[in-house]
Protein backbone atom coordinates (compact mmCIF):
# COMPACT_ATOMS: atom_id res chain seq x y z
CA MET A 1 6.53 43.31 -19.75
CA ILE A 2 8.97 41.40 -18.09
CA SER A 3 7.40 42.31 -14.64
CA PHE A 4 4.36 40.68 -15.69
CA TRP A 5 6.21 37.39 -16.87
CA ILE A 6 7.95 37.16 -13.67
CA HIS A 7 4.97 37.49 -11.77
CA THR A 8 3.03 35.21 -13.56
CA LEU A 9 6.14 33.00 -13.53
CA LYS A 10 6.19 33.07 -10.13
CA HIS A 11 2.17 32.53 -9.54
CA LYS A 12 2.41 29.81 -11.72
CA PHE A 13 5.04 28.00 -9.15
CA PHE A 14 3.30 28.68 -6.20
CA VAL A 15 0.31 26.70 -7.55
CA PHE A 16 2.17 23.37 -8.82
CA VAL A 17 3.83 23.80 -5.46
CA TYR A 18 0.43 23.45 -3.85
CA LEU A 19 -1.00 21.10 -6.53
CA VAL A 20 2.04 18.91 -5.77
CA ASN A 21 1.75 19.21 -2.02
CA PHE A 22 -2.05 18.66 -2.53
CA CYS A 23 -1.19 15.78 -4.04
CA ILE A 24 1.20 13.98 -1.98
CA LYS A 25 -1.34 14.40 1.14
CA LEU A 26 -3.58 12.42 -1.39
CA ILE A 27 -0.89 9.64 -2.26
CA TRP A 28 -0.37 9.27 1.98
CA ARG A 29 -4.34 8.82 2.39
CA GLY A 30 -4.59 6.11 -0.77
CA ILE A 31 -1.86 4.19 1.21
CA ILE A 32 -3.44 4.70 4.97
CA HIS A 33 -6.71 4.32 3.48
CA ASP A 34 -8.92 2.20 5.70
CA TYR A 35 -5.95 0.70 7.55
CA SER A 36 -8.24 0.45 10.98
CA LYS A 37 -9.92 -2.75 9.20
CA PHE A 38 -6.90 -4.13 9.70
CA SER A 39 -7.03 -4.02 13.45
CA PHE A 40 -8.35 -6.68 15.18
CA TYR A 41 -11.19 -4.70 16.75
CA GLU A 42 -12.25 -4.19 13.12
CA SER A 43 -11.46 -6.94 10.85
CA LYS A 44 -13.50 -9.57 13.55
CA SER A 45 -16.72 -7.74 12.17
CA TYR A 46 -15.93 -7.01 8.77
CA GLY A 47 -14.63 -10.65 8.16
CA ARG A 48 -17.56 -11.66 9.73
CA TYR A 49 -20.49 -9.57 8.24
CA LEU A 50 -19.01 -8.70 3.92
CA PRO A 51 -20.85 -11.93 2.93
CA GLU A 52 -23.78 -10.12 4.51
CA PHE A 53 -23.80 -7.09 2.56
CA LYS A 54 -22.32 -8.53 -0.98
CA LYS A 55 -26.14 -10.20 -0.76
CA VAL A 56 -28.09 -6.99 0.14
CA LYS A 57 -28.97 -3.48 -1.46
CA TYR A 58 -26.94 -0.34 -0.83
CA GLY A 59 -29.00 2.18 1.19
CA SER A 60 -31.98 -1.04 1.77
CA GLN A 61 -33.38 -1.96 5.22
CA GLU A 62 -31.70 -4.96 5.03
CA TYR A 63 -28.46 -3.17 4.37
CA ASN A 64 -29.21 -0.77 7.16
CA ASN A 65 -30.04 -3.75 9.76
CA ILE A 66 -26.60 -6.09 8.97
CA LEU A 67 -24.88 -2.11 10.20
CA LYS A 68 -26.62 -2.37 13.40
CA LYS A 69 -25.50 -5.78 13.81
CA PHE A 70 -22.08 -4.62 14.33
CA GLN A 71 -22.56 -1.20 15.21
CA PRO A 72 -19.37 -0.66 17.63
CA ALA A 73 -16.83 -1.82 15.03
CA ILE A 74 -18.43 0.91 12.43
CA ASP A 75 -18.51 3.44 14.88
CA HIS A 76 -14.83 2.24 15.53
CA HIS A 77 -13.71 2.51 12.22
CA TYR A 78 -15.83 6.10 12.00
CA SER A 79 -14.10 7.55 14.54
CA PHE A 80 -10.32 6.37 12.88
CA ASN A 81 -10.78 7.44 9.19
CA ARG A 82 -12.26 11.68 8.40
CA HIS A 83 -12.95 10.69 4.93
CA HIS A 84 -16.04 9.10 6.43
CA PRO A 85 -19.11 12.21 7.16
CA GLN A 86 -19.69 9.75 10.30
CA HIS A 87 -16.42 10.96 11.85
CA PHE A 88 -17.52 14.50 12.45
CA GLU A 89 -20.03 15.69 14.26
CA ALA A 90 -21.91 18.24 12.09
CA GLY A 91 -21.24 15.31 9.11
CA TYR A 92 -19.74 16.36 5.92
CA ILE A 93 -19.45 20.06 6.60
CA SER A 94 -16.79 19.89 8.93
CA MET A 95 -14.78 17.57 6.44
CA ASN A 96 -11.65 19.45 4.55
CA LEU A 97 -10.97 18.86 0.73
CA LEU A 98 -8.66 15.89 1.20
CA ASP A 99 -11.21 14.23 3.16
CA ILE A 100 -14.39 14.76 0.53
CA VAL A 101 -11.81 13.34 -2.15
CA GLU A 102 -10.87 10.73 -0.20
CA MET A 103 -14.83 9.93 0.30
CA PHE A 104 -15.99 10.36 -3.70
CA PHE A 105 -12.80 7.90 -4.70
CA ASP A 106 -14.04 5.64 -1.79
CA TRP A 107 -17.62 5.33 -2.65
CA LYS A 108 -16.56 5.53 -6.14
CA ALA A 109 -14.26 2.30 -5.14
CA ALA A 110 -17.65 0.23 -2.55
CA SER A 111 -20.07 1.43 -5.67
CA ARG A 112 -18.36 -1.09 -7.78
CA LYS A 113 -19.50 -4.12 -5.30
CA LYS A 114 -23.09 -2.82 -4.36
CA ILE A 115 -25.89 -5.08 -5.81
CA GLY A 116 -28.52 -3.60 -6.83
CA THR A 117 -26.41 -0.05 -7.49
CA GLY A 118 -23.49 -0.43 -9.45
CA SER A 119 -22.54 2.69 -9.90
CA LEU A 120 -21.30 5.95 -7.97
CA ASP A 121 -24.26 7.86 -9.55
CA LYS A 122 -26.63 5.67 -7.97
CA SER A 123 -24.83 5.83 -4.88
CA LEU A 124 -24.77 9.80 -4.78
CA ASP A 125 -28.25 9.71 -4.62
CA ILE A 126 -28.34 7.16 -2.00
CA ASN A 127 -25.90 9.41 -0.08
CA ILE A 128 -27.62 12.87 -0.64
CA GLU A 129 -30.90 11.62 1.21
CA ARG A 130 -27.98 9.51 3.66
CA PHE A 131 -25.96 12.61 4.51
CA LYS A 132 -28.58 15.85 4.11
CA MET A 133 -26.27 16.64 1.41
CA SER A 134 -26.57 20.32 -0.49
CA GLU A 135 -27.26 20.70 -4.14
CA ASP A 136 -23.98 21.74 -4.79
CA ILE A 137 -21.92 19.39 -3.45
CA VAL A 138 -24.00 16.68 -5.22
CA ARG A 139 -23.44 18.92 -8.19
CA ILE A 140 -20.21 19.33 -7.44
CA MET A 141 -19.50 15.59 -7.70
CA LYS A 142 -21.58 14.12 -10.40
CA ASN A 143 -19.71 17.07 -12.53
CA SER A 144 -16.55 14.28 -11.29
CA LEU A 145 -18.27 10.88 -12.03
CA ARG A 146 -15.63 10.26 -15.46
CA LEU A 147 -12.67 11.13 -13.38
C-alpha cells in the first residue's frame, strides 16, 4: 500500500511540474504576444488600416480586400508569430499545444472588436472554412468557449 501512495504522489508531483512549466511558457506567450506589431514595418501598416478593419465584418470580402492592401506587413507578422496558422506551411496542423492555446485566446480577444461576429463562436465558424480546420479541433475549441 505504501508503494501505491509513493507512486501516486510522484505522479502528482510530475503532473504539477509539467503544468507549471506549461503555464510559465503560456504566460511568456502573453507577454510577447504580437510584439512584432510594434516594429516600424508593421505598426505603420496596422496604424493606417486598423480604422478600416473596424468598419467591416470579419471574414467578409471587404475584410479580405483590406488585408490585401497591406499584405507585406501581414506576411511579416505571420512569419514572426507562430500562433497564426499562416506561420506554418501546413497551417494549424503544424502548431503545438502552446500555439493552439495562444491562437484560441487571440481569436477570442479579436472577436470582441469584430463587427458582425462579436463572438468567438461566430468567428470559429468563419475560421473553420478559412483554415480548413478538422471537426476534432473545432469541437475542442467550441467545448472551450466558456473558459
